[in-house]
Amino acid sequence: MIEPIILEKLEELPESLQTEVLHYIEFLIDKHSKNSTQAESTKKRRVAGTMKGMFVLPLPDDFDEPLEDMKEYIKVKIN
């Protein structure tokens, strides 16, 4: 078993390093529990056609023109 070896090595460390080992163990436990929770959660599947009717075709004639909100930015960028 690996547990006695881990405990033996842990006892050889100074207390400050034992604290670091404890923090690392807690990190691993937290990381593992998050991974298992994510794996258990069901992924939402995308449904085709949910954006139907959101875009009007043909596109307007000024589609490629800069937006009103961006005109000031574009002026500054050019000058």
PDB file of N, CA and C in Angstrom:
ATOM      1  N   MET A   1       0.843  -1.189   0.000  1.00  0.00           N
ATOM      2  CA  MET A   1       0.000   0.000   0.000  1.00  0.00           C
ATOM      3  C   MET A   1       0.882   1.243   0.000  1.00  0.00           C
ATOM      4  N   ILE A   2       0.379   2.282  -0.559  1.00  0.00           N
ATOM      5  CA  ILE A   2       1.143   3.517  -0.690  1.00  0.00           C
ATOM      6  C   ILE A   2       0.964   4.438   0.524  1.00  0.00           C
ATOM      7  N   GLU A   3      -0.114   4.266   1.268  1.00  0.00           N
ATOM      8  CA  GLU A   3      -0.399   5.162   2.393  1.00  0.00           C
ATOM      9  C   GLU A   3       0.714   5.182   3.441  1.00  0.00           C
ATOM     10  N   PRO A   4       1.234   4.039   3.866  1.00  0.00           N
ATOM     11  CA  PRO A   4       2.318   4.091   4.863  1.00  0.00           C
ATOM     12  C   PRO A   4       3.558   4.828   4.345  1.00  0.00           C
ATOM     13  N   ILE A   5       3.861   4.670   3.072  1.00  0.00           N
ATOM     14  CA  ILE A   5       5.022   5.354   2.497  1.00  0.00           C
ATOM     15  C   ILE A   5       4.789   6.860   2.497  1.00  0.00           C
ATOM     16  N   ILE A   6       3.578   7.267   2.136  1.00  0.00           N
ATOM     17  CA  ILE A   6       3.254   8.698   2.128  1.00  0.00           C
ATOM     18  C   ILE A   6       3.361   9.266   3.534  1.00  0.00           C
ATOM     19  N   LEU A   7       2.809   8.560   4.504  1.00  0.00           N
ATOM     20  CA  LEU A   7       2.866   9.037   5.887  1.00  0.00           C
ATOM     21  C   LEU A   7       4.301   9.107   6.395  1.00  0.00           C
ATOM     22  N   GLU A   8       5.104   8.131   6.051  1.00  0.00           N
ATOM     23  CA  GLU A   8       6.510   8.118   6.469  1.00  0.00           C
ATOM     24  C   GLU A   8       7.250   9.322   5.892  1.00  0.00           C
ATOM     25  N   LYS A   9       7.064   9.567   4.615  1.00  0.00           N
ATOM     26  CA  LYS A   9       7.726  10.704   3.967  1.00  0.00           C
ATOM     27  C   LYS A   9       7.210  12.029   4.522  1.00  0.00           C
ATOM     28  N   LEU A  10       5.927  12.087   4.822  1.00  0.00           N
ATOM     29  CA  LEU A  10       5.329  13.301   5.373  1.00  0.00           C
ATOM     30  C   LEU A  10       5.922  13.632   6.738  1.00  0.00           C
ATOM     31  N   GLU A  11       6.137  12.619   7.549  1.00  0.00           N
ATOM     32  CA  GLU A  11       6.702  12.832   8.885  1.00  0.00           C
ATOM     33  C   GLU A  11       8.146  13.315   8.828  1.00  0.00           C
ATOM     34  N   GLU A  12       8.852  13.028   7.742  1.00  0.00           N
ATOM     35  CA  GLU A  12      10.231  13.482   7.588  1.00  0.00           C
ATOM     36  C   GLU A  12      10.316  14.975   7.255  1.00  0.00           C
ATOM     37  N   LEU A  13       9.236  15.525   6.753  1.00  0.00           N
ATOM     38  CA  LEU A  13       9.238  16.931   6.348  1.00  0.00           C
ATOM     39  C   LEU A  13       9.075  17.859   7.546  1.00  0.00           C
ATOM     40  N   PRO A  14       9.624  19.077   7.455  1.00  0.00           N
ATOM     41  CA  PRO A  14       9.356  20.063   8.506  1.00  0.00           C
ATOM     42  C   PRO A  14       7.879  20.482   8.455  1.00  0.00           C
ATOM     43  N   GLU A  15       7.419  21.058   9.543  1.00  0.00           N
ATOM     44  CA  GLU A  15       5.998  21.386   9.660  1.00  0.00           C
ATOM     45  C   GLU A  15       5.524  22.348   8.565  1.00  0.00           C
ATOM     46  N   SER A  16       6.382  23.282   8.177  1.00  0.00           N
ATOM     47  CA  SER A  16       5.977  24.235   7.137  1.00  0.00           C
ATOM     48  C   SER A  16       5.702  23.521   5.810  1.00  0.00           C
ATOM     49  N   LEU A  17       6.523  22.532   5.494  1.00  0.00           N
ATOM     50  CA  LEU A  17       6.294  21.774   4.263  1.00  0.00           C
ATOM     51  C   LEU A  17       5.102  20.826   4.397  1.00  0.00           C
ATOM     52  N   GLN A  18       4.871  20.345   5.601  1.00  0.00           N
ATOM     53  CA  GLN A  18       3.692  19.508   5.820  1.00  0.00           C
ATOM     54  C   GLN A  18       2.420  20.310   5.546  1.00  0.00           C
ATOM     55  N   THR A  19       2.452  21.593   5.922  1.00  0.00           N
ATOM     56  CA  THR A  19       1.313  22.467   5.653  1.00  0.00           C
ATOM     57  C   THR A  19       1.109  22.629   4.154  1.00  0.00           C
ATOM     58  N   GLU A  20       2.213  22.782   3.420  1.00  0.00           N
ATOM     59  CA  GLU A  20       2.109  22.893   1.965  1.00  0.00           C
ATOM     60  C   GLU A  20       1.545  21.616   1.351  1.00  0.00           C
ATOM     61  N   VAL A  21       1.963  20.482   1.871  1.00  0.00           N
ATOM     62  CA  VAL A  21       1.442  19.201   1.384  1.00  0.00           C
ATOM     63  C   VAL A  21      -0.062  19.126   1.638  1.00  0.00           C
ATOM     64  N   LEU A  22      -0.478  19.564   2.817  1.00  0.00           N
ATOM     65  CA  LEU A  22      -1.903  19.575   3.150  1.00  0.00           C
ATOM     66  C   LEU A  22      -2.676  20.446   2.164  1.00  0.00           C
ATOM     67  N   HIS A  23      -2.147  21.635   1.878  1.00  0.00           N
ATOM     68  CA  HIS A  23      -2.820  22.532   0.929  1.00  0.00           C
ATOM     69  C   HIS A  23      -2.900  21.898  -0.458  1.00  0.00           C
ATOM     70  N   TYR A  24      -1.843  21.231  -0.854  1.00  0.00           N
ATOM     71  CA  TYR A  24      -1.840  20.584  -2.164  1.00  0.00           C
ATOM     72  C   TYR A  24      -2.859  19.448  -2.215  1.00  0.00           C
ATOM     73  N   ILE A  25      -2.959  18.691  -1.145  1.00  0.00           N
ATOM     74  CA  ILE A  25      -3.947  17.608  -1.080  1.00  0.00           C
ATOM     75  C   ILE A  25      -5.356  18.184  -1.188  1.00  0.00           C
ATOM     76  N   GLU A  26      -5.606  19.286  -0.468  1.00  0.00           N
ATOM     77  CA  GLU A  26      -6.920  19.925  -0.534  1.00  0.00           C
ATOM     78  C   GLU A  26      -7.206  20.431  -1.948  1.00  0.00           C
ATOM     79  N   PHE A  27      -6.174  20.976  -2.608  1.00  0.00           N
ATOM     80  CA  PHE A  27      -6.321  21.438  -3.986  1.00  0.00           C
ATOM     81  C   PHE A  27      -6.702  20.269  -4.894  1.00  0.00           C
ATOM     82  N   LEU A  28      -6.013  19.143  -4.748  1.00  0.00           N
ATOM     83  CA  LEU A  28      -6.303  17.979  -5.587  1.00  0.00           C
ATOM     84  C   LEU A  28      -7.719  17.453  -5.356  1.00  0.00           C
ATOM     85  N   ILE A  29      -8.140  17.439  -4.100  1.00  0.00           N
ATOM     86  CA  ILE A  29      -9.495  16.974  -3.785  1.00  0.00           C
ATOM     87  C   ILE A  29     -10.518  17.898  -4.427  1.00  0.00           C
ATOM     88  N   ASP A  30     -10.295  19.206  -4.307  1.00  0.00           N
ATOM     89  CA  ASP A  30     -11.213  20.184  -4.889  1.00  0.00           C
ATOM     90  C   ASP A  30     -11.252  20.051  -6.411  1.00  0.00           C
ATOM     91  N   LYS A  31     -10.083  19.909  -7.015  1.00  0.00           N
ATOM     92  CA  LYS A  31      -9.993  19.778  -8.473  1.00  0.00           C
ATOM     93  C   LYS A  31     -10.707  18.509  -8.939  1.00  0.00           C
ATOM     94  N   HIS A  32     -10.499  17.427  -8.223  1.00  0.00           N
ATOM     95  CA  HIS A  32     -11.129  16.159  -8.597  1.00  0.00           C
ATOM     96  C   HIS A  32     -12.647  16.240  -8.456  1.00  0.00           C
ATOM     97  N   SER A  33     -13.127  16.870  -7.395  1.00  0.00           N
ATOM     98  CA  SER A  33     -14.574  16.952  -7.198  1.00  0.00           C
ATOM     99  C   SER A  33     -15.215  17.831  -8.264  1.00  0.00           C
ATOM    100  N   LYS A  34     -14.521  18.896  -8.707  1.00  0.00           N
ATOM    101  CA  LYS A  34     -15.059  19.746  -9.773  1.00  0.00           C
ATOM    102  C   LYS A  34     -15.104  18.982 -11.089  1.00  0.00           C
ATOM    103  N   ASN A  35     -14.059  18.218 -11.384  1.00  0.00           N
ATOM    104  CA  ASN A  35     -14.024  17.445 -12.626  1.00  0.00           C
ATOM    105  C   ASN A  35     -15.129  16.405 -12.664  1.00  0.00           C
ATOM    106  N   SER A  36     -15.354  15.738 -11.546  1.00  0.00           N
ATOM    107  CA  SER A  36     -16.390  14.712 -11.527  1.00  0.00           C
ATOM    108  C   SER A  36     -17.771  15.346 -11.611  1.00  0.00           C
ATOM    109  N   THR A  37     -17.938  16.537 -11.039  1.00  0.00           N
ATOM    110  CA  THR A  37     -19.216  17.238 -11.118  1.00  0.00           C
ATOM    111  C   THR A  37     -19.491  17.668 -12.546  1.00  0.00           C
ATOM    112  N   GLN A  38     -18.468  18.175 -13.228  1.00  0.00           N
ATOM    113  CA  GLN A  38     -18.638  18.598 -14.612  1.00  0.00           C
ATOM    114  C   GLN A  38     -18.948  17.405 -15.507  1.00  0.00           C
ATOM    115  N   ALA A  39     -18.335  16.296 -15.254  1.00  0.00           N
ATOM    116  CA  ALA A  39     -18.575  15.110 -16.070  1.00  0.00           C
ATOM    117  C   ALA A  39     -20.001  14.604 -15.877  1.00  0.00           C
ATOM    118  N   GLU A  40     -20.522  14.749 -14.661  1.00  0.00           N
ATOM    119  CA  GLU A  40     -21.863  14.271 -14.373  1.00  0.00           C
ATOM    120  C   GLU A  40     -22.937  15.188 -14.943  1.00  0.00           C
ATOM    121  N   SER A  41     -22.635  16.483 -15.023  1.00  0.00           N
ATOM    122  CA  SER A  41     -23.643  17.414 -15.519  1.00  0.00           C
ATOM    123  C   SER A  41     -23.894  17.158 -16.999  1.00  0.00           C
ATOM    124  N   THR A  42     -25.136  17.257 -17.354  1.00  0.00           N
ATOM    125  CA  THR A  42     -25.489  17.006 -18.749  1.00  0.00           C
ATOM    126  C   THR A  42     -25.197  18.246 -19.574  1.00  0.00           C
ATOM    127  N   LYS A  43     -24.649  18.020 -20.749  1.00  0.00           N
ATOM    128  CA  LYS A  43     -24.356  19.127 -21.642  1.00  0.00           C
ATOM    129  C   LYS A  43     -25.632  19.501 -22.388  1.00  0.00           C
ATOM    130  N   LYS A  44     -25.861  20.820 -22.487  1.00  0.00           N
ATOM    131  CA  LYS A  44     -27.016  21.281 -23.238  1.00  0.00           C
ATOM    132  C   LYS A  44     -26.702  21.171 -24.722  1.00  0.00           C
ATOM    133  N   ARG A  45     -27.585  20.555 -25.432  1.00  0.00           N
ATOM    134  CA  ARG A  45     -27.395  20.397 -26.865  1.00  0.00           C
ATOM    135  C   ARG A  45     -28.040  21.577 -27.574  1.00  0.00           C
ATOM    136  N   ARG A  46     -27.370  22.037 -28.609  1.00  0.00           N
ATOM    137  CA  ARG A  46     -27.900  23.139 -29.399  1.00  0.00           C
ATOM    138  C   ARG A  46     -29.012  22.619 -30.296  1.00  0.00           C
ATOM    139  N   VAL A  47     -30.028  23.433 -30.413  1.00  0.00           N
ATOM    140  CA  VAL A  47     -31.162  23.059 -31.243  1.00  0.00           C
ATOM    141  C   VAL A  47     -31.094  23.857 -32.536  1.00  0.00           C
ATOM    142  N   ALA A  48     -31.151  23.174 -33.645  1.00  0.00           N
ATOM    143  CA  ALA A  48     -31.096  23.841 -34.942  1.00  0.00           C
ATOM    144  C   ALA A  48     -32.348  24.681 -35.146  1.00  0.00           C
ATOM    145  N   GLY A  49     -32.148  25.873 -35.706  1.00  0.00           N
ATOM    146  CA  GLY A  49     -33.279  26.726 -36.051  1.00  0.00           C
ATOM    147  C   GLY A  49     -33.715  27.687 -34.970  1.00  0.00           C
ATOM    148  N   THR A  50     -32.977  27.798 -33.877  1.00  0.00           N
ATOM    149  CA  THR A  50     -33.388  28.701 -32.803  1.00  0.00           C
ATOM    150  C   THR A  50     -33.231  30.167 -33.180  1.00  0.00           C
ATOM    151  N   MET A  51     -32.394  30.472 -34.161  1.00  0.00           N
ATOM    152  CA  MET A  51     -32.193  31.861 -34.593  1.00  0.00           C
ATOM    153  C   MET A  51     -33.037  32.200 -35.825  1.00  0.00           C
ATOM    154  N   LYS A  52     -33.923  31.311 -36.206  1.00  0.00           N
ATOM    155  CA  LYS A  52     -34.734  31.526 -37.403  1.00  0.00           C
ATOM    156  C   LYS A  52     -35.555  32.806 -37.241  1.00  0.00           C
ATOM    157  N   GLY A  53     -35.506  33.656 -38.268  1.00  0.00           N
ATOM    158  CA  GLY A  53     -36.251  34.907 -38.244  1.00  0.00           C
ATOM    159  C   GLY A  53     -35.500  36.064 -37.609  1.00  0.00           C
ATOM    160  N   MET A  54     -34.320  35.809 -37.067  1.00  0.00           N
ATOM    161  CA  MET A  54     -33.541  36.867 -36.417  1.00  0.00           C
ATOM    162  C   MET A  54     -32.801  37.725 -37.440  1.00  0.00           C
ATOM    163  N   PHE A  55     -32.520  37.201 -38.605  1.00  0.00           N
ATOM    164  CA  PHE A  55     -31.787  37.929 -39.633  1.00  0.00           C
ATOM    165  C   PHE A  55     -32.697  38.119 -40.835  1.00  0.00           C
ATOM    166  N   VAL A  56     -32.712  39.338 -41.318  1.00  0.00           N
ATOM    167  CA  VAL A  56     -33.559  39.651 -42.458  1.00  0.00           C
ATOM    168  C   VAL A  56     -32.688  39.692 -43.702  1.00  0.00           C
ATOM    169  N   LEU A  57     -33.057  38.926 -44.700  1.00  0.00           N
ATOM    170  CA  LEU A  57     -32.340  38.927 -45.967  1.00  0.00           C
ATOM    171  C   LEU A  57     -33.245  39.490 -47.036  1.00  0.00           C
ATOM    172  N   PRO A  58     -32.802  40.200 -47.972  1.00  0.00           N
ATOM    173  CA  PRO A  58     -31.416  40.560 -48.230  1.00  0.00           C
ATOM    174  C   PRO A  58     -30.941  41.609 -47.229  1.00  0.00           C
ATOM    175  N   LEU A  59     -29.635  41.695 -47.078  1.00  0.00           N
ATOM    176  CA  LEU A  59     -29.038  42.651 -46.151  1.00  0.00           C
ATOM    177  C   LEU A  59     -29.271  44.070 -46.653  1.00  0.00           C
ATOM    178  N   PRO A  60     -29.340  45.043 -45.735  1.00  0.00           N
ATOM    179  CA  PRO A  60     -29.535  46.435 -46.152  1.00  0.00           C
ATOM    180  C   PRO A  60     -28.361  46.933 -47.003  1.00  0.00           C
ATOM    181  N   ASP A  61     -28.608  47.968 -47.804  1.00  0.00           N
ATOM    182  CA  ASP A  61     -27.575  48.513 -48.688  1.00  0.00           C
ATOM    183  C   ASP A  61     -26.385  49.066 -47.919  1.00  0.00           C
ATOM    184  N   ASP A  62     -26.616  49.590 -46.703  1.00  0.00           N
ATOM    185  CA  ASP A  62     -25.522  50.189 -45.926  1.00  0.00           C
ATOM    186  C   ASP A  62     -24.875  49.189 -44.960  1.00  0.00           C
ATOM    187  N   PHE A  63     -25.002  47.924 -45.247  1.00  0.00           N
ATOM    188  CA  PHE A  63     -24.478  46.890 -44.343  1.00  0.00           C
ATOM    189  C   PHE A  63     -22.980  47.035 -44.090  1.00  0.00           C
ATOM    190  N   ASP A  64     -22.209  47.368 -45.116  1.00  0.00           N
ATOM    191  CA  ASP A  64     -20.755  47.470 -44.980  1.00  0.00           C
ATOM    192  C   ASP A  64     -20.285  48.835 -44.479  1.00  0.00           C
ATOM    193  N   GLU A  65     -21.179  49.771 -44.299  1.00  0.00           N
ATOM    194  CA  GLU A  65     -20.810  51.099 -43.804  1.00  0.00           C
ATOM    195  C   GLU A  65     -20.516  51.017 -42.306  1.00  0.00           C
ATOM    196  N   PRO A  66     -19.634  51.903 -41.804  1.00  0.00           N
ATOM    197  CA  PRO A  66     -19.333  51.903 -40.363  1.00  0.00           C
ATOM    198  C   PRO A  66     -20.579  52.239 -39.539  1.00  0.00           C
ATOM    199  N   LEU A  67     -20.667  51.659 -38.389  1.00  0.00           N
ATOM    200  CA  LEU A  67     -21.775  51.943 -37.489  1.00  0.00           C
ATOM    201  C   LEU A  67     -21.639  53.358 -36.942  1.00  0.00           C
ATOM    202  N   GLU A  68     -22.765  53.970 -36.596  1.00  0.00           N
ATOM    203  CA  GLU A  68     -22.751  55.329 -36.040  1.00  0.00           C
ATOM    204  C   GLU A  68     -21.859  55.396 -34.799  1.00  0.00           C
ATOM    205  N   ASP A  69     -21.903  54.394 -33.964  1.00  0.00           N
ATOM    206  CA  ASP A  69     -21.119  54.384 -32.723  1.00  0.00           C
ATOM    207  C   ASP A  69     -19.619  54.326 -32.992  1.00  0.00           C
ATOM    208  N   MET A  70     -19.218  53.852 -34.153  1.00  0.00           N
ATOM    209  CA  MET A  70     -17.798  53.674 -34.452  1.00  0.00           C
ATOM    210  C   MET A  70     -17.199  54.818 -35.264  1.00  0.00           C
ATOM    211  N   LYS A  71     -18.023  55.729 -35.773  1.00  0.00           N
ATOM    212  CA  LYS A  71     -17.514  56.790 -36.647  1.00  0.00           C
ATOM    213  C   LYS A  71     -16.472  57.652 -35.947  1.00  0.00           C
ATOM    214  N   GLU A  72     -16.698  58.008 -34.677  1.00  0.00           N
ATOM    215  CA  GLU A  72     -15.725  58.831 -33.945  1.00  0.00           C
ATOM    216  C   GLU A  72     -14.411  58.069 -33.764  1.00  0.00           C
ATOM    217  N   TYR A  73     -14.477  56.811 -33.465  1.00  0.00           N
ATOM    218  CA  TYR A  73     -13.280  55.986 -33.301  1.00  0.00           C
ATOM    219  C   TYR A  73     -12.494  55.906 -34.607  1.00  0.00           C
ATOM    220  N   ILE A  74     -13.198  55.738 -35.705  1.00  0.00           N
ATOM    221  CA  ILE A  74     -12.537  55.627 -37.004  1.00  0.00           C
ATOM    222  C   ILE A  74     -11.856  56.942 -37.367  1.00  0.00           C
ATOM    223  N   LYS A  75     -12.485  58.090 -37.066  1.00  0.00           N
ATOM    224  CA  LYS A  75     -11.873  59.394 -37.334  1.00  0.00           C
ATOM    225  C   LYS A  75     -10.570  59.536 -36.571  1.00  0.00           C
ATOM    226  N   VAL A  76     -10.567  59.168 -35.309  1.00  0.00           N
ATOM    227  CA  VAL A  76      -9.368  59.275 -34.468  1.00  0.00           C
ATOM    228  C   VAL A  76      -8.288  58.345 -34.994  1.00  0.00           C
ATOM    229  N   LYS A  77      -8.640  57.158 -35.407  1.00  0.00           N
ATOM    230  CA  LYS A  77      -7.689  56.156 -35.880  1.00  0.00           C
ATOM    231  C   LYS A  77      -6.995  56.619 -37.163  1.00  0.00           C
ATOM    232  N   ILE A  78      -7.723  57.283 -38.068  1.00  0.00           N
ATOM    233  CA  ILE A  78      -7.161  57.719 -39.343  1.00  0.00           C
ATOM    234  C   ILE A  78      -6.234  58.909 -39.144  1.00  0.00           C
ATOM    235  N   ASN A  79      -6.613  59.857 -38.324  1.00  0.00           N
ATOM    236  CA  ASN A  79      -5.810  61.073 -38.128  1.00  0.00           C
ATOM    237  C   ASN A  79      -4.645  60.796 -37.287  1.00  0.00           C
TER     238      ASN A  79
END
